[in-house]
Structures are given as C-alpha cells and as structure tokens.
C-alpha cells in the first residue's frame, strides 16, 4: 500500500517556523508504522519533530472531493 509521510514540528535546520505537517516522503509499506519507519531512514527528524503517515488513496480521495467542491470564477 502507498502512504504519504508527513513531518510535523519546527526546526531551524530543516523546517523553520513551519508547524503544519509537511509532506516529506511517499513510500510503499504494510502499515502506517512501517511507512514512518521506512521514511525515517531517509528523512531527518529532530527531537521536537515527528512523522505521521496516511494512506495515499485516502488523501487523494479527500483532495479530489475538495477539488470537486471548488467553484471556478472566470
């Protein structure tokens, strides 16, 4: 299963003044915990930061729903 992994927490070395989750990796994994572990091998995470993961299909569906509800004004 494909997961999007996000890093949350501000650190001047890699994510200064950003407190919102930032997409840092897309990985194939068995579970969210597995996805975070795989991403942690490639992504720097400091003590005041953490990783979270969400199934890509769920995120993509939510984004598509948002896109469908946006009214384009010309």
PDB file of N, CA and C in Angstrom:
ATOM      1  N   UNK A   1       0.848  -1.175   0.000  1.00  0.00           N
ATOM      2  CA  UNK A   1       0.000   0.000   0.000  1.00  0.00           C
ATOM      3  C   UNK A   1       0.901   1.247   0.000  1.00  0.00           C
ATOM      4  N   UNK A   2       0.426   2.268  -0.653  1.00  0.00           N
ATOM      5  CA  UNK A   2       1.198   3.517  -0.751  1.00  0.00           C
ATOM      6  C   UNK A   2       0.760   4.471   0.371  1.00  0.00           C
ATOM      7  N   UNK A   3       1.739   5.078   1.030  1.00  0.00           N
ATOM      8  CA  UNK A   3       1.485   6.023   2.120  1.00  0.00           C
ATOM      9  C   UNK A   3       2.199   7.335   1.854  1.00  0.00           C
ATOM     10  N   UNK A   4       1.561   8.428   2.252  1.00  0.00           N
ATOM     11  CA  UNK A   4       2.209   9.730   2.288  1.00  0.00           C
ATOM     12  C   UNK A   4       2.687   9.935   3.723  1.00  0.00           C
ATOM     13  N   UNK A   5       3.936  10.344   3.869  1.00  0.00           N
ATOM     14  CA  UNK A   5       4.514  10.562   5.191  1.00  0.00           C
ATOM     15  C   UNK A   5       4.752  12.057   5.359  1.00  0.00           C
ATOM     16  N   UNK A   6       4.393  12.557   6.537  1.00  0.00           N
ATOM     17  CA  UNK A   6       4.488  13.983   6.857  1.00  0.00           C
ATOM     18  C   UNK A   6       5.380  14.179   8.078  1.00  0.00           C
ATOM     19  N   UNK A   7       6.141  15.276   8.059  1.00  0.00           N
ATOM     20  CA  UNK A   7       6.929  15.667   9.233  1.00  0.00           C
ATOM     21  C   UNK A   7       6.252  16.890   9.845  1.00  0.00           C
ATOM     22  N   UNK A   8       6.084  16.861  11.152  1.00  0.00           N
ATOM     23  CA  UNK A   8       5.474  17.971  11.878  1.00  0.00           C
ATOM     24  C   UNK A   8       6.444  18.442  12.950  1.00  0.00           C
ATOM     25  N   UNK A   9       6.540  19.751  13.122  1.00  0.00           N
ATOM     26  CA  UNK A   9       7.405  20.340  14.135  1.00  0.00           C
ATOM     27  C   UNK A   9       8.434  21.250  13.504  1.00  0.00           C
ATOM     28  N   UNK A  10       8.639  22.382  14.120  1.00  0.00           N
ATOM     29  CA  UNK A  10       9.561  23.367  13.578  1.00  0.00           C
ATOM     30  C   UNK A  10      10.983  23.102  14.051  1.00  0.00           C
ATOM     31  N   UNK A  11      11.940  23.241  13.141  1.00  0.00           N
ATOM     32  CA  UNK A  11      13.357  23.162  13.483  1.00  0.00           C
ATOM     33  C   UNK A  11      14.113  23.985  12.460  1.00  0.00           C
ATOM     34  N   UNK A  12      15.001  24.832  12.914  1.00  0.00           N
ATOM     35  CA  UNK A  12      15.710  25.736  12.002  1.00  0.00           C
ATOM     36  C   UNK A  12      16.567  24.988  10.978  1.00  0.00           C
ATOM     37  N   UNK A  13      16.933  23.759  11.267  1.00  0.00           N
ATOM     38  CA  UNK A  13      17.790  23.007  10.352  1.00  0.00           C
ATOM     39  C   UNK A  13      17.041  22.486   9.129  1.00  0.00           C
ATOM     40  N   UNK A  14      15.737  22.196   9.270  1.00  0.00           N
ATOM     41  CA  UNK A  14      15.051  21.579   8.130  1.00  0.00           C
ATOM     42  C   UNK A  14      13.615  22.038   7.920  1.00  0.00           C
ATOM     43  N   UNK A  15      13.037  22.765   8.848  1.00  0.00           N
ATOM     44  CA  UNK A  15      11.627  23.141   8.713  1.00  0.00           C
ATOM     45  C   UNK A  15      11.351  24.333   9.619  1.00  0.00           C
ATOM     46  N   UNK A  16      12.026  25.427   9.357  1.00  0.00           N
ATOM     47  CA  UNK A  16      11.973  26.596  10.211  1.00  0.00           C
ATOM     48  C   UNK A  16      10.606  27.272  10.174  1.00  0.00           C
ATOM     49  N   UNK A  17      10.079  27.553  11.356  1.00  0.00           N
ATOM     50  CA  UNK A  17       8.822  28.297  11.532  1.00  0.00           C
ATOM     51  C   UNK A  17       7.648  27.647  10.811  1.00  0.00           C
ATOM     52  N   UNK A  18       7.689  26.350  10.637  1.00  0.00           N
ATOM     53  CA  UNK A  18       6.595  25.625   9.999  1.00  0.00           C
ATOM     54  C   UNK A  18       6.045  24.634  10.999  1.00  0.00           C
ATOM     55  N   UNK A  19       4.806  24.856  11.419  1.00  0.00           N
ATOM     56  CA  UNK A  19       4.207  23.990  12.421  1.00  0.00           C
ATOM     57  C   UNK A  19       3.167  23.051  11.817  1.00  0.00           C
ATOM     58  N   UNK A  20       2.831  23.281  10.568  1.00  0.00           N
ATOM     59  CA  UNK A  20       1.896  22.404   9.869  1.00  0.00           C
ATOM     60  C   UNK A  20       2.656  21.187   9.338  1.00  0.00           C
ATOM     61  N   UNK A  21       1.986  20.053   9.194  1.00  0.00           N
ATOM     62  CA  UNK A  21       2.646  18.887   8.611  1.00  0.00           C
ATOM     63  C   UNK A  21       3.124  19.180   7.185  1.00  0.00           C
ATOM     64  N   UNK A  22       4.325  18.696   6.867  1.00  0.00           N
ATOM     65  CA  UNK A  22       4.911  18.876   5.542  1.00  0.00           C
ATOM     66  C   UNK A  22       5.141  17.495   4.931  1.00  0.00           C
ATOM     67  N   UNK A  23       4.651  17.304   3.708  1.00  0.00           N
ATOM     68  CA  UNK A  23       4.839  16.024   3.017  1.00  0.00           C
ATOM     69  C   UNK A  23       6.318  15.849   2.738  1.00  0.00           C
ATOM     70  N   UNK A  24       6.906  14.756   3.278  1.00  0.00           N
ATOM     71  CA  UNK A  24       8.344  14.539   3.113  1.00  0.00           C
ATOM     72  C   UNK A  24       8.690  13.247   2.377  1.00  0.00           C
ATOM     73  N   UNK A  25       7.703  12.346   2.215  1.00  0.00           N
ATOM     74  CA  UNK A  25       8.003  11.084   1.541  1.00  0.00           C
ATOM     75  C   UNK A  25       6.717  10.403   1.094  1.00  0.00           C
ATOM     76  N   UNK A  26       6.849   9.596   0.058  1.00  0.00           N
ATOM     77  CA  UNK A  26       5.797   8.682  -0.382  1.00  0.00           C
ATOM     78  C   UNK A  26       6.453   7.306  -0.426  1.00  0.00           C
ATOM     79  N   UNK A  27       5.880   6.356   0.306  1.00  0.00           N
ATOM     80  CA  UNK A  27       6.508   5.038   0.408  1.00  0.00           C
ATOM     81  C   UNK A  27       5.490   3.928   0.246  1.00  0.00           C
ATOM     82  N   UNK A  28       5.965   2.788  -0.195  1.00  0.00           N
ATOM     83  CA  UNK A  28       5.174   1.559  -0.204  1.00  0.00           C
ATOM     84  C   UNK A  28       5.450   0.860   1.126  1.00  0.00           C
ATOM     85  N   UNK A  29       4.387   0.512   1.857  1.00  0.00           N
ATOM     86  CA  UNK A  29       4.568  -0.095   3.175  1.00  0.00           C
ATOM     87  C   UNK A  29       3.366  -0.947   3.541  1.00  0.00           C
ATOM     88  N   UNK A  30       3.537  -1.779   4.558  1.00  0.00           N
ATOM     89  CA  UNK A  30       2.466  -2.660   5.041  1.00  0.00           C
ATOM     90  C   UNK A  30       1.486  -1.926   5.944  1.00  0.00           C
ATOM     91  N   UNK A  31       1.964  -0.876   6.631  1.00  0.00           N
ATOM     92  CA  UNK A  31       1.138  -0.141   7.591  1.00  0.00           C
ATOM     93  C   UNK A  31       1.680   1.274   7.739  1.00  0.00           C
ATOM     94  N   UNK A  32       0.935   2.108   8.458  1.00  0.00           N
ATOM     95  CA  UNK A  32       1.401   3.476   8.703  1.00  0.00           C
ATOM     96  C   UNK A  32       2.699   3.463   9.507  1.00  0.00           C
ATOM     97  N   UNK A  33       2.793   2.584  10.497  1.00  0.00           N
ATOM     98  CA  UNK A  33       4.018   2.499  11.293  1.00  0.00           C
ATOM     99  C   UNK A  33       5.202   2.075  10.428  1.00  0.00           C
ATOM    100  N   UNK A  34       4.980   1.122   9.548  1.00  0.00           N
ATOM    101  CA  UNK A  34       6.022   0.681   8.623  1.00  0.00           C
ATOM    102  C   UNK A  34       6.439   1.835   7.704  1.00  0.00           C
ATOM    103  N   UNK A  35       5.457   2.599   7.226  1.00  0.00           N
ATOM    104  CA  UNK A  35       5.749   3.745   6.350  1.00  0.00           C
ATOM    105  C   UNK A  35       6.604   4.778   7.077  1.00  0.00           C
ATOM    106  N   UNK A  36       6.273   5.067   8.332  1.00  0.00           N
ATOM    107  CA  UNK A  36       7.062   6.035   9.100  1.00  0.00           C
ATOM    108  C   UNK A  36       8.479   5.522   9.315  1.00  0.00           C
ATOM    109  N   UNK A  37       8.623   4.235   9.597  1.00  0.00           N
ATOM    110  CA  UNK A  37       9.956   3.661   9.806  1.00  0.00           C
ATOM    111  C   UNK A  37      10.781   3.734   8.529  1.00  0.00           C
ATOM    112  N   UNK A  38      10.164   3.427   7.398  1.00  0.00           N
ATOM    113  CA  UNK A  38      10.889   3.497   6.122  1.00  0.00           C
ATOM    114  C   UNK A  38      11.299   4.932   5.799  1.00  0.00           C
ATOM    115  N   UNK A  39      10.403   5.872   6.030  1.00  0.00           N
ATOM    116  CA  UNK A  39      10.717   7.275   5.761  1.00  0.00           C
ATOM    117  C   UNK A  39      11.798   7.784   6.700  1.00  0.00           C
ATOM    118  N   UNK A  40      11.790   7.330   7.948  1.00  0.00           N
ATOM    119  CA  UNK A  40      12.775   7.788   8.933  1.00  0.00           C
ATOM    120  C   UNK A  40      14.201   7.415   8.522  1.00  0.00           C
ATOM    121  N   UNK A  41      14.339   6.419   7.662  1.00  0.00           N
ATOM    122  CA  UNK A  41      15.669   6.047   7.164  1.00  0.00           C
ATOM    123  C   UNK A  41      16.216   7.075   6.182  1.00  0.00           C
ATOM    124  N   UNK A  42      15.324   7.902   5.592  1.00  0.00           N
ATOM    125  CA  UNK A  42      15.742   8.858   4.556  1.00  0.00           C
ATOM    126  C   UNK A  42      15.504  10.317   4.936  1.00  0.00           C
ATOM    127  N   UNK A  43      14.717  10.551   5.982  1.00  0.00           N
ATOM    128  CA  UNK A  43      14.297  11.909   6.339  1.00  0.00           C
ATOM    129  C   UNK A  43      14.840  12.249   7.729  1.00  0.00           C
ATOM    130  N   UNK A  44      15.382  13.449   7.883  1.00  0.00           N
ATOM    131  CA  UNK A  44      15.866  13.885   9.186  1.00  0.00           C
ATOM    132  C   UNK A  44      14.687  14.319  10.056  1.00  0.00           C
ATOM    133  N   UNK A  45      14.661  13.790  11.274  1.00  0.00           N
ATOM    134  CA  UNK A  45      13.623  14.144  12.240  1.00  0.00           C
ATOM    135  C   UNK A  45      14.319  14.477  13.558  1.00  0.00           C
ATOM    136  N   UNK A  46      14.187  15.735  13.995  1.00  0.00           N
ATOM    137  CA  UNK A  46      14.806  16.160  15.241  1.00  0.00           C
ATOM    138  C   UNK A  46      13.884  15.888  16.428  1.00  0.00           C
ATOM    139  N   UNK A  47      14.418  16.066  17.658  1.00  0.00           N
ATOM    140  CA  UNK A  47      13.676  15.732  18.877  1.00  0.00           C
ATOM    141  C   UNK A  47      12.318  16.412  18.973  1.00  0.00           C
ATOM    142  N   UNK A  48      12.194  17.607  18.449  1.00  0.00           N
ATOM    143  CA  UNK A  48      10.931  18.337  18.534  1.00  0.00           C
ATOM    144  C   UNK A  48      10.053  18.118  17.296  1.00  0.00           C
ATOM    145  N   UNK A  49      10.342  17.065  16.540  1.00  0.00           N
ATOM    146  CA  UNK A  49       9.579  16.750  15.338  1.00  0.00           C
ATOM    147  C   UNK A  49       9.117  15.298  15.385  1.00  0.00           C
ATOM    148  N   UNK A  50       8.092  15.013  14.583  1.00  0.00           N
ATOM    149  CA  UNK A  50       7.637  13.623  14.474  1.00  0.00           C
ATOM    150  C   UNK A  50       7.081  13.374  13.084  1.00  0.00           C
ATOM    151  N   UNK A  51       7.018  12.102  12.722  1.00  0.00           N
ATOM    152  CA  UNK A  51       6.458  11.696  11.441  1.00  0.00           C
ATOM    153  C   UNK A  51       5.063  11.124  11.647  1.00  0.00           C
ATOM    154  N   UNK A  52       4.217  11.348  10.660  1.00  0.00           N
ATOM    155  CA  UNK A  52       2.903  10.713  10.618  1.00  0.00           C
ATOM    156  C   UNK A  52       2.707  10.197   9.194  1.00  0.00           C
ATOM    157  N   UNK A  53       1.819   9.220   9.048  1.00  0.00           N
ATOM    158  CA  UNK A  53       1.589   8.634   7.726  1.00  0.00           C
ATOM    159  C   UNK A  53       0.106   8.402   7.520  1.00  0.00           C
ATOM    160  N   UNK A  54      -0.310   8.552   6.276  1.00  0.00           N
ATOM    161  CA  UNK A  54      -1.718   8.351   5.915  1.00  0.00           C
ATOM    162  C   UNK A  54      -1.759   7.642   4.563  1.00  0.00           C
ATOM    163  N   UNK A  55      -2.717   6.741   4.417  1.00  0.00           N
ATOM    164  CA  UNK A  55      -2.858   6.028   3.148  1.00  0.00           C
ATOM    165  C   UNK A  55      -3.048   7.031   2.018  1.00  0.00           C
ATOM    166  N   UNK A  56      -2.283   6.861   0.967  1.00  0.00           N
ATOM    167  CA  UNK A  56      -2.324   7.797  -0.155  1.00  0.00           C
ATOM    168  C   UNK A  56      -3.708   7.832  -0.800  1.00  0.00           C
ATOM    169  N   UNK A  57      -4.376   6.684  -0.902  1.00  0.00           N
ATOM    170  CA  UNK A  57      -5.705   6.654  -1.515  1.00  0.00           C
ATOM    171  C   UNK A  57      -6.700   7.502  -0.737  1.00  0.00           C
ATOM    172  N   UNK A  58      -6.589   7.497   0.584  1.00  0.00           N
ATOM    173  CA  UNK A  58      -7.484   8.290   1.427  1.00  0.00           C
ATOM    174  C   UNK A  58      -7.228   9.781   1.199  1.00  0.00           C
ATOM    175  N   UNK A  59      -5.958  10.159   1.178  1.00  0.00           N
ATOM    176  CA  UNK A  59      -5.593  11.565   0.951  1.00  0.00           C
ATOM    177  C   UNK A  59      -6.036  12.000  -0.437  1.00  0.00           C
ATOM    178  N   UNK A  60      -5.769  11.176  -1.434  1.00  0.00           N
ATOM    179  CA  UNK A  60      -6.138  11.520  -2.810  1.00  0.00           C
ATOM    180  C   UNK A  60      -7.645  11.681  -2.957  1.00  0.00           C
ATOM    181  N   UNK A  61      -8.420  10.818  -2.310  1.00  0.00           N
ATOM    182  CA  UNK A  61      -9.882  10.913  -2.375  1.00  0.00           C
ATOM    183  C   UNK A  61     -10.366  12.199  -1.717  1.00  0.00           C
ATOM    184  N   UNK A  62      -9.761  12.545  -0.580  1.00  0.00           N
ATOM    185  CA  UNK A  62     -10.141  13.775   0.117  1.00  0.00           C
ATOM    186  C   UNK A  62      -9.816  14.991  -0.735  1.00  0.00           C
ATOM    187  N   UNK A  63      -8.652  14.986  -1.361  1.00  0.00           N
ATOM    188  CA  UNK A  63      -8.251  16.095  -2.234  1.00  0.00           C
ATOM    189  C   UNK A  63      -9.181  16.204  -3.441  1.00  0.00           C
ATOM    190  N   UNK A  64      -9.568  15.080  -4.006  1.00  0.00           N
ATOM    191  CA  UNK A  64     -10.476  15.087  -5.153  1.00  0.00           C
ATOM    192  C   UNK A  64     -11.829  15.664  -4.761  1.00  0.00           C
ATOM    193  N   UNK A  65     -12.288  15.321  -3.565  1.00  0.00           N
ATOM    194  CA  UNK A  65     -13.571  15.854  -3.076  1.00  0.00           C
ATOM    195  C   UNK A  65     -13.490  17.368  -2.915  1.00  0.00           C
ATOM    196  N   UNK A  66     -12.381  17.843  -2.398  1.00  0.00           N
ATOM    197  CA  UNK A  66     -12.187  19.286  -2.245  1.00  0.00           C
ATOM    198  C   UNK A  66     -12.159  19.944  -3.621  1.00  0.00           C
ATOM    199  N   UNK A  67     -11.418  19.352  -4.551  1.00  0.00           N
ATOM    200  CA  UNK A  67     -11.335  19.907  -5.903  1.00  0.00           C
ATOM    201  C   UNK A  67     -12.710  19.982  -6.556  1.00  0.00           C
ATOM    202  N   UNK A  68     -13.535  18.958  -6.343  1.00  0.00           N
ATOM    203  CA  UNK A  68     -14.865  18.933  -6.938  1.00  0.00           C
ATOM    204  C   UNK A  68     -15.794  19.992  -6.347  1.00  0.00           C
ATOM    205  N   UNK A  69     -15.505  20.414  -5.115  1.00  0.00           N
ATOM    206  CA  UNK A  69     -16.392  21.375  -4.477  1.00  0.00           C
ATOM    207  C   UNK A  69     -15.984  22.837  -4.732  1.00  0.00           C
ATOM    208  N   UNK A  70     -14.847  23.036  -5.393  1.00  0.00           N
ATOM    209  CA  UNK A  70     -14.378  24.378  -5.678  1.00  0.00           C
ATOM    210  C   UNK A  70     -15.091  24.915  -6.922  1.00  0.00           C
ATOM    211  N   UNK A  71     -15.593  26.134  -6.792  1.00  0.00           N
ATOM    212  CA  UNK A  71     -16.256  26.775  -7.918  1.00  0.00           C
ATOM    213  C   UNK A  71     -15.282  27.722  -8.596  1.00  0.00           C
ATOM    214  N   UNK A  72     -15.085  27.532  -9.869  1.00  0.00           N
ATOM    215  CA  UNK A  72     -14.165  28.370 -10.634  1.00  0.00           C
ATOM    216  C   UNK A  72     -14.917  29.613 -11.091  1.00  0.00           C
ATOM    217  N   UNK A  73     -14.370  30.762 -10.807  1.00  0.00           N
ATOM    218  CA  UNK A  73     -14.959  32.027 -11.210  1.00  0.00           C
ATOM    219  C   UNK A  73     -14.089  32.612 -12.323  1.00  0.00           C
ATOM    220  N   UNK A  74     -14.703  32.852 -13.444  1.00  0.00           N
ATOM    221  CA  UNK A  74     -13.940  33.396 -14.581  1.00  0.00           C
ATOM    222  C   UNK A  74     -14.233  34.844 -14.790  1.00  0.00           C
TER     223      UNK A  74
END
